[in-house]
Amino acid sequence: EFYALEVEGRSMIEEGIWPGDYIVVKKQQQAEDGSTVIALLDKEATVKKIYHRDGQVELRPANAQMASLWVAEGQCRIQGVVVGLYRRYR
């Protein structure tokens, strides 16, 4: 199952994912380290690279101006893995 989301932030610009882009997401609850995922923190979704470290999850942006988010394994729910991108030219 796949779905699309419109990107709002600038956390993944060094991966070529810009605000206004649409990302195609494969719905799944597991992801390998280094995958670009949609993660749900509380009620807010974020797009980041995921890494698992000693019972914690690092959600790493692809923007040198931003810091990684670190949360306990149970505080982050993976909603899917990014598998594509759609950009409209205006």
Protein backbone atom coordinates (compact mmCIF):
# COMPACT_ATOMS: atom_id res chain seq x y z
CA GLU A 1 0.00 0.00 0.00
CA PHE A 2 1.31 3.42 -1.00
CA TYR A 3 0.29 7.01 -0.30
CA ALA A 4 1.59 10.52 -0.99
CA LEU A 5 2.33 13.43 1.33
CA GLU A 6 3.16 17.04 0.57
CA VAL A 7 6.43 18.16 2.16
CA GLU A 8 6.23 21.27 4.32
CA GLY A 9 9.64 21.66 5.95
CA ARG A 10 13.25 21.99 4.83
CA SER A 11 14.76 19.14 6.86
CA MET A 12 15.60 16.97 3.82
CA ILE A 13 16.82 19.55 1.29
CA GLU A 14 20.28 17.98 0.97
CA GLU A 15 18.52 14.82 -0.28
CA GLY A 16 16.66 16.90 -2.88
CA ILE A 17 13.35 16.89 -1.01
CA TRP A 18 11.96 20.43 -0.95
CA PRO A 19 8.87 22.12 0.50
CA GLY A 20 5.96 21.65 -1.90
CA ASP A 21 7.28 18.32 -3.21
CA TYR A 22 5.11 15.23 -2.92
CA ILE A 23 6.78 12.13 -1.56
CA VAL A 24 5.51 8.64 -2.32
CA VAL A 25 5.51 6.46 0.78
CA LYS A 26 5.30 2.69 1.07
CA LYS A 27 3.23 1.98 4.16
CA GLN A 28 5.20 -0.16 6.64
CA GLN A 29 6.09 -0.12 10.31
CA GLN A 30 9.73 -1.26 10.07
CA ALA A 31 12.70 0.35 8.35
CA GLU A 32 16.39 -0.37 7.92
CA ASP A 33 19.03 2.06 9.13
CA GLY A 34 19.61 4.81 6.58
CA SER A 35 16.09 4.63 5.13
CA THR A 36 14.14 7.85 4.65
CA VAL A 37 10.98 7.39 6.69
CA ILE A 38 7.81 9.07 7.80
CA ALA A 39 7.92 8.93 11.59
CA LEU A 40 5.11 9.90 13.89
CA LEU A 41 6.19 11.71 17.07
CA ASP A 42 3.19 12.40 19.29
CA LYS A 43 0.74 13.62 16.63
CA GLU A 44 3.25 15.19 14.25
CA ALA A 45 4.74 13.45 11.22
CA THR A 46 8.31 14.10 10.17
CA VAL A 47 10.49 13.01 7.23
CA LYS A 48 13.98 11.94 8.29
CA LYS A 49 16.67 9.27 7.88
CA ILE A 50 16.34 6.64 10.61
CA TYR A 51 19.08 4.95 12.63
CA HIS A 52 18.64 2.61 15.60
CA ARG A 53 21.21 2.95 18.42
CA ASP A 54 21.17 1.17 21.80
CA GLY A 55 17.41 1.32 22.40
CA GLN A 56 17.08 4.77 20.88
CA VAL A 57 16.10 6.03 17.46
CA GLU A 58 17.98 8.82 15.71
CA LEU A 59 15.89 10.74 13.19
CA ARG A 60 18.54 12.53 11.15
CA PRO A 61 17.69 15.45 8.85
CA ALA A 62 19.47 16.02 5.55
CA ASN A 63 20.06 19.69 6.34
CA ALA A 64 23.32 20.78 7.97
CA GLN A 65 21.46 23.60 9.74
CA MET A 66 19.33 21.14 11.74
CA ALA A 67 20.11 18.67 14.52
CA SER A 68 19.02 15.06 14.78
CA LEU A 69 16.05 14.11 16.92
CA TRP A 70 16.74 11.35 19.48
CA VAL A 71 13.83 9.41 20.97
CA ALA A 72 13.33 6.13 22.78
CA GLU A 73 12.30 3.20 20.56
CA GLY A 74 8.70 3.34 21.80
CA GLN A 75 8.24 7.10 21.26
CA CYS A 76 8.46 6.94 17.48
CA ARG A 77 6.12 5.08 15.16
CA ILE A 78 7.25 4.48 11.59
CA GLN A 79 4.42 5.17 9.16
CA GLY A 80 6.29 4.24 5.99
CA VAL A 81 9.42 4.46 3.86
CA VAL A 82 9.87 7.07 1.14
CA VAL A 83 10.13 5.37 -2.27
CA GLY A 84 9.56 8.23 -4.69
CA LEU A 85 9.18 11.94 -5.23
CA TYR A 86 6.93 14.07 -7.42
CA ARG A 87 7.64 17.74 -8.10
CA ARG A 88 5.47 20.13 -10.05
CA TYR A 89 7.17 22.87 -12.03
CA ARG A 90 5.31 26.13 -11.93
